[in-house]
N, C-alpha and C. Protein backbone atom coordinates (compact mmCIF):
# COMPACT_ATOMS: atom_id res chain seq x y z
N UNK A 1 0.84 -1.17 0.00
CA UNK A 1 0.00 0.00 0.00
C UNK A 1 0.89 1.23 0.00
N UNK A 2 0.58 2.16 -0.86
CA UNK A 2 1.37 3.37 -0.99
C UNK A 2 1.16 4.29 0.21
N UNK A 3 2.23 4.98 0.60
CA UNK A 3 2.11 5.91 1.71
C UNK A 3 1.15 7.05 1.38
N UNK A 4 1.01 7.37 0.07
CA UNK A 4 0.04 8.41 -0.32
C UNK A 4 -1.39 7.96 -0.03
N UNK A 5 -1.66 6.63 -0.10
CA UNK A 5 -2.98 6.12 0.26
C UNK A 5 -3.23 6.32 1.76
N UNK A 6 -2.22 6.01 2.55
CA UNK A 6 -2.37 6.18 4.00
C UNK A 6 -2.63 7.63 4.37
N UNK A 7 -1.86 8.53 3.76
CA UNK A 7 -2.04 9.96 4.04
C UNK A 7 -3.41 10.43 3.57
N UNK A 8 -3.80 10.05 2.37
CA UNK A 8 -5.11 10.43 1.83
C UNK A 8 -6.23 9.93 2.74
N UNK A 9 -6.09 8.70 3.22
CA UNK A 9 -7.10 8.11 4.09
C UNK A 9 -7.17 8.85 5.42
N UNK A 10 -6.01 9.15 6.01
CA UNK A 10 -5.98 9.88 7.27
C UNK A 10 -6.63 11.25 7.13
N UNK A 11 -6.29 11.97 6.07
CA UNK A 11 -6.88 13.30 5.86
C UNK A 11 -8.39 13.22 5.66
N UNK A 12 -8.85 12.21 4.91
CA UNK A 12 -10.29 12.03 4.72
C UNK A 12 -10.97 11.70 6.04
N UNK A 13 -10.33 10.89 6.87
CA UNK A 13 -10.86 10.55 8.19
C UNK A 13 -10.99 11.82 9.05
N UNK A 14 -9.99 12.66 9.03
CA UNK A 14 -10.03 13.88 9.83
C UNK A 14 -11.11 14.85 9.33
N UNK A 15 -11.37 14.84 8.02
CA UNK A 15 -12.40 15.72 7.45
C UNK A 15 -13.82 15.23 7.73
N UNK A 16 -14.04 13.89 7.67
CA UNK A 16 -15.40 13.37 7.77
C UNK A 16 -15.38 11.97 8.37
N UNK A 17 -15.46 11.88 9.67
CA UNK A 17 -15.39 10.59 10.36
C UNK A 17 -16.61 9.72 10.13
N UNK A 18 -17.72 10.30 9.70
CA UNK A 18 -18.90 9.49 9.39
C UNK A 18 -18.72 8.75 8.07
N UNK A 19 -17.94 9.29 7.17
CA UNK A 19 -17.74 8.65 5.87
C UNK A 19 -16.49 7.77 5.85
N UNK A 20 -15.49 8.09 6.66
CA UNK A 20 -14.25 7.32 6.71
C UNK A 20 -14.04 6.93 8.17
N UNK A 21 -14.15 5.63 8.46
CA UNK A 21 -14.19 5.19 9.85
C UNK A 21 -12.88 4.72 10.44
N UNK A 22 -11.78 4.87 9.73
CA UNK A 22 -10.48 4.41 10.23
C UNK A 22 -9.41 5.39 9.78
N UNK A 23 -8.30 5.37 10.46
CA UNK A 23 -7.21 6.28 10.09
C UNK A 23 -6.36 5.71 8.97
N UNK A 24 -6.55 4.44 8.64
CA UNK A 24 -5.75 3.80 7.60
C UNK A 24 -6.62 2.81 6.82
N UNK A 25 -6.33 2.58 5.56
CA UNK A 25 -7.11 1.59 4.79
C UNK A 25 -6.96 0.18 5.37
N UNK A 26 -7.90 -0.68 5.03
CA UNK A 26 -7.82 -2.08 5.44
C UNK A 26 -6.54 -2.70 4.91
N UNK A 27 -5.93 -3.57 5.70
CA UNK A 27 -4.72 -4.26 5.25
C UNK A 27 -5.07 -5.25 4.14
N UNK A 28 -4.06 -5.65 3.39
CA UNK A 28 -4.26 -6.64 2.33
C UNK A 28 -4.75 -7.96 2.92
N UNK A 29 -4.20 -8.35 4.07
CA UNK A 29 -4.61 -9.61 4.71
C UNK A 29 -6.07 -9.55 5.15
N UNK A 30 -6.50 -8.43 5.76
CA UNK A 30 -7.90 -8.28 6.15
C UNK A 30 -8.79 -8.30 4.92
N UNK A 31 -8.38 -7.61 3.87
CA UNK A 31 -9.17 -7.56 2.63
C UNK A 31 -9.36 -8.95 2.04
N UNK A 32 -8.30 -9.75 2.02
CA UNK A 32 -8.41 -11.13 1.52
C UNK A 32 -9.34 -11.96 2.40
N UNK A 33 -9.25 -11.76 3.71
CA UNK A 33 -10.12 -12.50 4.64
C UNK A 33 -11.59 -12.15 4.41
N UNK A 34 -11.87 -10.90 4.13
CA UNK A 34 -13.25 -10.50 3.84
C UNK A 34 -13.76 -11.20 2.58
N UNK A 35 -12.93 -11.24 1.55
CA UNK A 35 -13.32 -11.94 0.32
C UNK A 35 -13.58 -13.41 0.57
N UNK A 36 -12.74 -14.05 1.37
CA UNK A 36 -12.95 -15.47 1.69
C UNK A 36 -14.24 -15.67 2.47
N UNK A 37 -14.53 -14.77 3.43
CA UNK A 37 -15.77 -14.89 4.23
C UNK A 37 -17.01 -14.75 3.35
N UNK A 38 -16.90 -13.99 2.26
CA UNK A 38 -18.02 -13.83 1.33
C UNK A 38 -18.02 -14.92 0.26
N UNK A 39 -16.98 -15.76 0.24
CA UNK A 39 -16.87 -16.83 -0.75
C UNK A 39 -16.93 -16.29 -2.18
N UNK A 40 -16.17 -15.23 -2.41
CA UNK A 40 -16.20 -14.50 -3.68
C UNK A 40 -15.96 -15.40 -4.88
N UNK A 41 -15.13 -16.41 -4.73
CA UNK A 41 -14.79 -17.29 -5.86
C UNK A 41 -16.02 -17.93 -6.50
N UNK A 42 -17.14 -17.96 -5.77
CA UNK A 42 -18.34 -18.64 -6.26
C UNK A 42 -19.48 -17.69 -6.60
N UNK A 43 -19.17 -16.42 -6.78
CA UNK A 43 -20.24 -15.45 -7.05
C UNK A 43 -19.97 -14.67 -8.33
N UNK A 44 -21.05 -14.39 -9.06
CA UNK A 44 -20.93 -13.69 -10.35
C UNK A 44 -21.14 -12.19 -10.23
N UNK A 45 -22.01 -11.75 -9.34
CA UNK A 45 -22.37 -10.33 -9.22
C UNK A 45 -22.15 -9.88 -7.79
N UNK A 46 -21.07 -9.14 -7.57
CA UNK A 46 -20.64 -8.75 -6.22
C UNK A 46 -20.70 -7.23 -6.09
N UNK A 47 -21.16 -6.76 -4.92
CA UNK A 47 -21.16 -5.33 -4.62
C UNK A 47 -20.21 -5.08 -3.46
N UNK A 48 -19.42 -4.04 -3.59
CA UNK A 48 -18.53 -3.59 -2.51
C UNK A 48 -19.02 -2.22 -2.06
N UNK A 49 -19.20 -2.05 -0.77
CA UNK A 49 -19.70 -0.80 -0.22
C UNK A 49 -18.60 -0.10 0.56
N UNK A 50 -18.29 1.13 0.19
CA UNK A 50 -17.21 1.87 0.85
C UNK A 50 -15.85 1.40 0.37
N UNK A 51 -15.60 1.55 -0.91
CA UNK A 51 -14.37 1.03 -1.52
C UNK A 51 -13.10 1.75 -1.06
N UNK A 52 -13.22 2.98 -0.62
CA UNK A 52 -12.05 3.72 -0.14
C UNK A 52 -10.98 3.83 -1.22
N UNK A 53 -9.75 3.49 -0.86
CA UNK A 53 -8.64 3.57 -1.82
C UNK A 53 -8.39 2.25 -2.54
N UNK A 54 -9.19 1.22 -2.23
CA UNK A 54 -9.16 0.01 -3.03
C UNK A 54 -8.53 -1.26 -2.52
N UNK A 55 -8.11 -1.38 -1.25
CA UNK A 55 -7.51 -2.66 -0.86
C UNK A 55 -8.50 -3.83 -0.90
N UNK A 56 -9.74 -3.60 -0.51
CA UNK A 56 -10.74 -4.68 -0.58
C UNK A 56 -11.12 -4.92 -2.04
N UNK A 57 -11.19 -3.86 -2.82
CA UNK A 57 -11.46 -3.98 -4.25
C UNK A 57 -10.44 -4.93 -4.89
N UNK A 58 -9.16 -4.71 -4.60
CA UNK A 58 -8.09 -5.56 -5.14
C UNK A 58 -8.29 -7.02 -4.74
N UNK A 59 -8.59 -7.26 -3.46
CA UNK A 59 -8.77 -8.63 -2.97
C UNK A 59 -9.97 -9.30 -3.64
N UNK A 60 -11.05 -8.55 -3.81
CA UNK A 60 -12.24 -9.12 -4.48
C UNK A 60 -11.91 -9.45 -5.92
N UNK A 61 -11.27 -8.55 -6.64
CA UNK A 61 -10.91 -8.82 -8.04
C UNK A 61 -9.99 -10.03 -8.15
N UNK A 62 -9.08 -10.18 -7.20
CA UNK A 62 -8.18 -11.33 -7.21
C UNK A 62 -8.93 -12.65 -7.01
N UNK A 63 -10.05 -12.61 -6.29
CA UNK A 63 -10.82 -13.82 -5.99
C UNK A 63 -12.02 -14.02 -6.92
N UNK A 64 -12.42 -12.99 -7.63
CA UNK A 64 -13.61 -13.03 -8.47
C UNK A 64 -13.39 -13.92 -9.70
N UNK A 65 -14.37 -14.73 -10.07
CA UNK A 65 -14.22 -15.54 -11.29
C UNK A 65 -14.01 -14.65 -12.52
N UNK A 66 -13.41 -15.18 -13.57
CA UNK A 66 -13.16 -14.39 -14.79
C UNK A 66 -14.43 -13.80 -15.40
N UNK A 67 -15.55 -14.47 -15.22
CA UNK A 67 -16.81 -13.96 -15.77
C UNK A 67 -17.62 -13.15 -14.75
N UNK A 68 -17.07 -12.97 -13.54
CA UNK A 68 -17.77 -12.22 -12.50
C UNK A 68 -17.74 -10.73 -12.75
N UNK A 69 -18.59 -10.01 -11.99
CA UNK A 69 -18.64 -8.55 -12.06
C UNK A 69 -18.62 -7.98 -10.66
N UNK A 70 -17.93 -6.87 -10.50
CA UNK A 70 -17.84 -6.17 -9.22
C UNK A 70 -18.29 -4.73 -9.42
N UNK A 71 -19.23 -4.30 -8.59
CA UNK A 71 -19.67 -2.90 -8.55
C UNK A 71 -19.21 -2.35 -7.20
N UNK A 72 -18.31 -1.36 -7.23
CA UNK A 72 -17.74 -0.78 -6.01
C UNK A 72 -18.31 0.60 -5.77
N UNK A 73 -19.07 0.73 -4.68
CA UNK A 73 -19.68 1.99 -4.29
C UNK A 73 -18.71 2.81 -3.46
N UNK A 74 -18.59 4.10 -3.79
CA UNK A 74 -17.75 5.01 -3.00
C UNK A 74 -18.29 6.42 -3.18
N UNK A 75 -18.51 7.14 -2.06
CA UNK A 75 -19.07 8.49 -2.14
C UNK A 75 -18.03 9.60 -2.05
N UNK A 76 -16.81 9.27 -1.63
CA UNK A 76 -15.75 10.28 -1.52
C UNK A 76 -15.16 10.53 -2.91
N UNK A 77 -15.30 11.74 -3.47
CA UNK A 77 -14.82 12.00 -4.83
C UNK A 77 -13.32 11.76 -5.03
N UNK A 78 -12.51 12.06 -4.02
CA UNK A 78 -11.06 11.81 -4.12
C UNK A 78 -10.77 10.32 -4.23
N UNK A 79 -11.47 9.53 -3.45
CA UNK A 79 -11.28 8.08 -3.52
C UNK A 79 -11.78 7.53 -4.86
N UNK A 80 -12.89 8.06 -5.37
CA UNK A 80 -13.40 7.62 -6.67
C UNK A 80 -12.35 7.86 -7.75
N UNK A 81 -11.72 9.02 -7.73
CA UNK A 81 -10.66 9.33 -8.71
C UNK A 81 -9.51 8.35 -8.59
N UNK A 82 -9.08 8.06 -7.35
CA UNK A 82 -7.99 7.09 -7.14
C UNK A 82 -8.37 5.71 -7.67
N UNK A 83 -9.59 5.28 -7.35
CA UNK A 83 -10.04 3.95 -7.80
C UNK A 83 -10.03 3.86 -9.32
N UNK A 84 -10.54 4.90 -9.96
CA UNK A 84 -10.61 4.88 -11.43
C UNK A 84 -9.23 4.87 -12.07
N UNK A 85 -8.26 5.53 -11.44
CA UNK A 85 -6.91 5.53 -12.02
C UNK A 85 -6.14 4.26 -11.65
N UNK A 86 -6.49 3.64 -10.56
CA UNK A 86 -5.77 2.47 -10.08
C UNK A 86 -6.18 1.17 -10.76
N UNK A 87 -7.46 1.02 -11.06
CA UNK A 87 -7.97 -0.26 -11.56
C UNK A 87 -8.43 -0.16 -13.01
N UNK A 88 -7.84 -1.01 -13.83
CA UNK A 88 -8.28 -1.15 -15.21
C UNK A 88 -8.63 -2.63 -15.36
N UNK A 89 -9.89 -2.94 -15.10
CA UNK A 89 -10.37 -4.31 -15.13
C UNK A 89 -11.80 -4.27 -15.66
N UNK A 90 -12.07 -4.97 -16.75
CA UNK A 90 -13.41 -4.91 -17.34
C UNK A 90 -14.50 -5.47 -16.42
N UNK A 91 -14.12 -6.20 -15.38
CA UNK A 91 -15.11 -6.75 -14.45
C UNK A 91 -15.57 -5.72 -13.41
N UNK A 92 -14.88 -4.58 -13.33
CA UNK A 92 -15.12 -3.59 -12.28
C UNK A 92 -15.86 -2.37 -12.81
N UNK A 93 -16.87 -1.96 -12.04
CA UNK A 93 -17.56 -0.69 -12.27
C UNK A 93 -17.51 0.10 -10.97
N UNK A 94 -16.96 1.31 -11.03
CA UNK A 94 -16.94 2.20 -9.86
C UNK A 94 -18.28 2.94 -9.85
N UNK A 95 -18.96 2.91 -8.71
CA UNK A 95 -20.28 3.52 -8.57
C UNK A 95 -20.16 4.68 -7.58
N UNK A 96 -20.13 5.92 -8.09
CA UNK A 96 -19.93 7.08 -7.20
C UNK A 96 -21.24 7.57 -6.58
N UNK A 97 -21.90 6.70 -5.86
CA UNK A 97 -23.16 7.09 -5.19
C UNK A 97 -23.36 6.25 -3.94
N UNK A 98 -24.37 6.58 -3.19
CA UNK A 98 -24.63 5.94 -1.91
C UNK A 98 -24.97 4.46 -2.07
N UNK A 99 -24.54 3.67 -1.11
CA UNK A 99 -24.87 2.25 -1.09
C UNK A 99 -26.37 2.03 -0.91
N UNK A 100 -27.09 3.05 -0.47
CA UNK A 100 -28.55 2.94 -0.35
C UNK A 100 -29.21 2.66 -1.70
N UNK A 101 -28.50 2.92 -2.78
CA UNK A 101 -29.08 2.72 -4.12
C UNK A 101 -28.74 1.35 -4.70
N UNK A 102 -28.28 0.42 -3.86
CA UNK A 102 -27.89 -0.91 -4.33
C UNK A 102 -29.02 -1.61 -5.07
N UNK A 103 -30.23 -1.62 -4.51
CA UNK A 103 -31.36 -2.28 -5.17
C UNK A 103 -31.67 -1.62 -6.51
N UNK A 104 -31.57 -0.29 -6.57
CA UNK A 104 -31.79 0.42 -7.83
C UNK A 104 -30.77 -0.02 -8.88
N UNK A 105 -29.51 -0.15 -8.46
CA UNK A 105 -28.47 -0.57 -9.39
C UNK A 105 -28.72 -2.00 -9.90
N UNK A 106 -29.14 -2.88 -9.00
CA UNK A 106 -29.45 -4.26 -9.42
C UNK A 106 -30.49 -4.25 -10.54
N UNK A 107 -31.54 -3.45 -10.38
CA UNK A 107 -32.57 -3.35 -11.43
C UNK A 107 -31.98 -2.75 -12.71
N UNK A 108 -31.15 -1.71 -12.55
CA UNK A 108 -30.56 -1.05 -13.72
C UNK A 108 -29.70 -2.00 -14.56
N UNK A 109 -28.96 -2.90 -13.90
CA UNK A 109 -28.08 -3.81 -14.63
C UNK A 109 -28.77 -5.13 -14.96
N UNK A 110 -30.03 -5.27 -14.56
CA UNK A 110 -30.82 -6.43 -14.96
C UNK A 110 -30.55 -7.72 -14.20
N UNK A 111 -30.22 -7.58 -12.90
CA UNK A 111 -30.05 -8.79 -12.09
C UNK A 111 -31.10 -8.80 -10.98
N UNK A 112 -31.43 -10.01 -10.52
CA UNK A 112 -32.41 -10.15 -9.44
C UNK A 112 -31.90 -9.53 -8.15
N UNK A 113 -30.62 -9.67 -7.92
CA UNK A 113 -29.97 -9.12 -6.74
C UNK A 113 -28.51 -9.52 -6.76
N UNK A 114 -27.72 -8.88 -5.94
CA UNK A 114 -26.29 -9.19 -5.88
C UNK A 114 -26.08 -10.50 -5.15
N UNK A 115 -25.12 -11.30 -5.65
CA UNK A 115 -24.81 -12.62 -5.08
C UNK A 115 -24.03 -12.51 -3.78
N UNK A 116 -23.34 -11.39 -3.59
CA UNK A 116 -22.55 -11.16 -2.37
C UNK A 116 -22.36 -9.66 -2.21
N UNK A 117 -22.32 -9.21 -0.95
CA UNK A 117 -22.06 -7.81 -0.63
C UNK A 117 -20.96 -7.78 0.42
N UNK A 118 -19.93 -6.98 0.15
CA UNK A 118 -18.80 -6.81 1.06
C UNK A 118 -18.73 -5.33 1.41
N UNK A 119 -18.71 -5.02 2.70
CA UNK A 119 -18.80 -3.63 3.13
C UNK A 119 -17.68 -3.22 4.09
N UNK A 120 -17.16 -2.01 3.87
CA UNK A 120 -16.24 -1.38 4.80
C UNK A 120 -16.83 -0.05 5.30
N UNK A 121 -18.13 0.11 5.16
CA UNK A 121 -18.79 1.33 5.64
C UNK A 121 -18.69 1.38 7.17
N UNK A 122 -18.32 2.52 7.74
CA UNK A 122 -18.19 2.63 9.20
C UNK A 122 -19.56 2.84 9.87
N UNK A 123 -20.32 1.77 10.01
CA UNK A 123 -21.70 1.87 10.48
C UNK A 123 -21.82 2.54 11.84
N UNK A 124 -20.91 2.29 12.74
CA UNK A 124 -20.99 2.90 14.07
C UNK A 124 -20.99 4.43 13.97
N UNK A 125 -20.22 4.96 13.04
CA UNK A 125 -20.14 6.41 12.87
C UNK A 125 -21.46 7.00 12.35
N UNK A 126 -22.27 6.18 11.70
CA UNK A 126 -23.53 6.66 11.14
C UNK A 126 -24.64 6.76 12.17
N UNK A 127 -24.53 5.99 13.24
CA UNK A 127 -25.59 5.93 14.24
C UNK A 127 -26.52 4.75 13.94
N UNK A 128 -27.24 4.32 14.97
CA UNK A 128 -28.07 3.11 14.86
C UNK A 128 -29.19 3.24 13.83
N UNK A 129 -29.94 4.33 13.83
CA UNK A 129 -31.06 4.47 12.90
C UNK A 129 -30.59 4.48 11.45
N UNK A 130 -29.56 5.28 11.17
CA UNK A 130 -29.05 5.36 9.79
C UNK A 130 -28.44 4.02 9.37
N UNK A 131 -27.75 3.34 10.28
CA UNK A 131 -27.15 2.04 9.96
C UNK A 131 -28.23 1.00 9.65
N UNK A 132 -29.28 0.97 10.47
CA UNK A 132 -30.37 0.02 10.26
C UNK A 132 -31.06 0.29 8.92
N UNK A 133 -31.31 1.56 8.64
CA UNK A 133 -31.96 1.93 7.37
C UNK A 133 -31.08 1.54 6.18
N UNK A 134 -29.79 1.84 6.26
CA UNK A 134 -28.88 1.54 5.16
C UNK A 134 -28.76 0.03 4.93
N UNK A 135 -28.56 -0.74 5.98
CA UNK A 135 -28.42 -2.19 5.82
C UNK A 135 -29.74 -2.78 5.32
N UNK A 136 -30.86 -2.25 5.77
CA UNK A 136 -32.16 -2.71 5.26
C UNK A 136 -32.30 -2.45 3.77
N UNK A 137 -31.90 -1.27 3.33
CA UNK A 137 -31.94 -0.94 1.90
C UNK A 137 -30.99 -1.83 1.11
N UNK A 138 -29.81 -2.09 1.66
CA UNK A 138 -28.84 -2.96 0.99
C UNK A 138 -29.43 -4.36 0.82
N UNK A 139 -30.07 -4.87 1.86
CA UNK A 139 -30.63 -6.23 1.79
C UNK A 139 -31.67 -6.35 0.68
N UNK A 140 -32.36 -5.26 0.36
CA UNK A 140 -33.35 -5.27 -0.73
C UNK A 140 -32.70 -5.52 -2.09
N UNK A 141 -31.42 -5.24 -2.21
CA UNK A 141 -30.71 -5.44 -3.46
C UNK A 141 -29.89 -6.72 -3.51
N UNK A 142 -30.12 -7.61 -2.55
CA UNK A 142 -29.37 -8.87 -2.48
C UNK A 142 -30.24 -10.05 -2.92
N UNK A 143 -29.62 -11.01 -3.58
CA UNK A 143 -30.31 -12.23 -3.98
C UNK A 143 -30.48 -13.13 -2.75
N UNK A 144 -31.52 -13.97 -2.74
CA UNK A 144 -31.66 -14.92 -1.63
C UNK A 144 -30.40 -15.79 -1.49
N UNK A 145 -29.95 -15.97 -0.26
CA UNK A 145 -28.76 -16.76 0.00
C UNK A 145 -27.46 -15.98 -0.09
N UNK A 146 -27.52 -14.73 -0.51
CA UNK A 146 -26.31 -13.92 -0.68
C UNK A 146 -25.70 -13.57 0.68
N UNK A 147 -24.37 -13.68 0.80
CA UNK A 147 -23.73 -13.26 2.05
C UNK A 147 -23.56 -11.74 2.09
N UNK A 148 -23.67 -11.20 3.30
CA UNK A 148 -23.36 -9.81 3.60
C UNK A 148 -22.18 -9.87 4.56
N UNK A 149 -21.04 -9.32 4.16
CA UNK A 149 -19.83 -9.35 4.97
C UNK A 149 -19.41 -7.91 5.22
N UNK A 150 -19.20 -7.57 6.49
CA UNK A 150 -18.84 -6.19 6.84
C UNK A 150 -17.71 -6.18 7.86
N UNK A 151 -16.72 -5.33 7.62
CA UNK A 151 -15.65 -5.13 8.59
C UNK A 151 -16.04 -3.95 9.47
N UNK A 152 -15.80 -4.12 10.77
CA UNK A 152 -16.08 -3.06 11.74
C UNK A 152 -14.96 -3.06 12.77
N UNK A 153 -14.80 -1.92 13.44
CA UNK A 153 -13.76 -1.80 14.45
C UNK A 153 -14.34 -1.80 15.85
N UNK A 154 -15.64 -1.98 15.96
CA UNK A 154 -16.32 -2.17 17.23
C UNK A 154 -16.94 -3.56 17.18
N UNK A 155 -16.54 -4.48 18.05
CA UNK A 155 -16.96 -5.87 17.91
C UNK A 155 -18.43 -6.14 18.23
N UNK A 156 -19.14 -5.20 18.82
CA UNK A 156 -20.51 -5.48 19.25
C UNK A 156 -21.57 -4.63 18.55
N UNK A 157 -21.20 -3.50 18.01
CA UNK A 157 -22.17 -2.54 17.49
C UNK A 157 -23.10 -3.11 16.43
N UNK A 158 -22.58 -3.80 15.46
CA UNK A 158 -23.36 -4.22 14.30
C UNK A 158 -24.24 -5.44 14.57
N UNK A 159 -23.92 -6.24 15.57
CA UNK A 159 -24.64 -7.49 15.81
C UNK A 159 -26.15 -7.35 15.87
N UNK A 160 -26.73 -6.47 16.71
CA UNK A 160 -28.19 -6.40 16.77
C UNK A 160 -28.83 -5.90 15.46
N UNK A 161 -28.13 -5.04 14.75
CA UNK A 161 -28.67 -4.53 13.49
C UNK A 161 -28.70 -5.64 12.44
N UNK A 162 -27.60 -6.36 12.32
CA UNK A 162 -27.53 -7.46 11.35
C UNK A 162 -28.55 -8.54 11.73
N UNK A 163 -28.70 -8.82 13.01
CA UNK A 163 -29.69 -9.80 13.46
C UNK A 163 -31.10 -9.35 13.07
N UNK A 164 -31.43 -8.08 13.30
CA UNK A 164 -32.76 -7.57 12.95
C UNK A 164 -33.03 -7.63 11.45
N UNK A 165 -32.05 -7.26 10.64
CA UNK A 165 -32.26 -7.20 9.20
C UNK A 165 -32.23 -8.59 8.56
N UNK A 166 -31.25 -9.41 8.94
CA UNK A 166 -31.06 -10.70 8.26
C UNK A 166 -31.58 -11.90 9.05
N UNK A 167 -31.74 -11.76 10.36
CA UNK A 167 -32.20 -12.87 11.17
C UNK A 167 -31.11 -13.88 11.49
N UNK A 168 -29.88 -13.59 11.11
CA UNK A 168 -28.76 -14.49 11.38
C UNK A 168 -27.48 -13.68 11.32
N UNK A 169 -26.44 -14.19 11.94
CA UNK A 169 -25.15 -13.51 11.89
C UNK A 169 -24.09 -14.38 12.54
N UNK A 170 -22.86 -14.11 12.20
CA UNK A 170 -21.73 -14.61 12.95
C UNK A 170 -20.61 -13.60 12.78
N UNK A 171 -19.59 -13.73 13.58
CA UNK A 171 -18.47 -12.79 13.48
C UNK A 171 -17.17 -13.52 13.75
N UNK A 172 -16.13 -12.96 13.20
CA UNK A 172 -14.78 -13.46 13.47
C UNK A 172 -13.91 -12.23 13.73
N UNK A 173 -12.84 -12.45 14.44
CA UNK A 173 -11.95 -11.35 14.79
C UNK A 173 -10.69 -11.44 13.95
N UNK A 174 -10.22 -10.30 13.51
CA UNK A 174 -9.01 -10.23 12.71
C UNK A 174 -8.05 -9.28 13.42
N UNK A 175 -7.10 -9.85 14.13
CA UNK A 175 -6.21 -9.07 14.97
C UNK A 175 -5.01 -8.50 14.23
N UNK A 176 -4.75 -8.99 13.00
CA UNK A 176 -3.57 -8.59 12.24
C UNK A 176 -3.88 -7.41 11.33
N UNK A 177 -4.48 -6.40 11.87
CA UNK A 177 -4.84 -5.19 11.16
C UNK A 177 -4.69 -4.04 12.14
N UNK A 178 -4.47 -2.84 11.64
CA UNK A 178 -4.42 -1.65 12.50
C UNK A 178 -5.58 -0.76 12.11
N UNK A 179 -6.57 -0.58 13.00
CA UNK A 179 -6.77 -1.27 14.27
C UNK A 179 -7.30 -2.69 14.04
N UNK A 180 -7.26 -3.55 15.08
CA UNK A 180 -7.84 -4.88 14.95
C UNK A 180 -9.31 -4.77 14.53
N UNK A 181 -9.78 -5.75 13.77
CA UNK A 181 -11.11 -5.65 13.17
C UNK A 181 -12.00 -6.84 13.51
N UNK A 182 -13.29 -6.61 13.36
CA UNK A 182 -14.29 -7.66 13.47
C UNK A 182 -14.94 -7.80 12.09
N UNK A 183 -15.04 -9.03 11.62
CA UNK A 183 -15.71 -9.30 10.35
C UNK A 183 -17.06 -9.93 10.67
N UNK A 184 -18.14 -9.23 10.35
CA UNK A 184 -19.49 -9.76 10.52
C UNK A 184 -19.93 -10.42 9.23
N UNK A 185 -20.70 -11.49 9.35
CA UNK A 185 -21.25 -12.17 8.18
C UNK A 185 -22.69 -12.55 8.47
N UNK A 186 -23.56 -12.27 7.52
CA UNK A 186 -24.96 -12.69 7.59
C UNK A 186 -25.34 -13.18 6.20
N UNK A 187 -26.51 -13.77 6.12
CA UNK A 187 -26.97 -14.28 4.84
C UNK A 187 -28.41 -13.85 4.61
N UNK A 188 -28.70 -13.40 3.40
CA UNK A 188 -30.06 -12.98 3.04
C UNK A 188 -30.93 -14.23 2.95
N UNK A 189 -32.01 -14.24 3.67
CA UNK A 189 -32.94 -15.40 3.65
C UNK A 189 -34.01 -15.20 2.60
């Protein structure tokens, strides 16, 4: 990871903590673990929420089948510019809009729903009501059986929200990241 990514991420965090929930991008190891938890190798239509500077994007593309597609949502214009200059892959579409529009995008591209959703959105920074609303809207754009995988830096915050929206959840801890992370996983029923 380039030091310019770390600096860009830190500055974005200082400007807007609700949009950027960490002082540094996810590590490559954490990003790969998120892809494995979502079982990316077996999915054709994947959505990434909160792409940032792209470490999770890279891990998903590395695991995505050759015929798969990835739509990466990012609302920070500086990060969108970085993503577009960093990745030249016909399987990737950068989506510069809110993850709340996931179901709309699924209809626009002609799919029933996304086969997997991987998120680095800092839900705790959004507050409980906004997080519940956002995850509920995201679930509307997911296919039945699709995994929802989210990294968080608070090990307990997301559990009741994911339980309410999906009716199931599990979590694993990833200590080899700065800061240490919790990976939540649920499945759309």
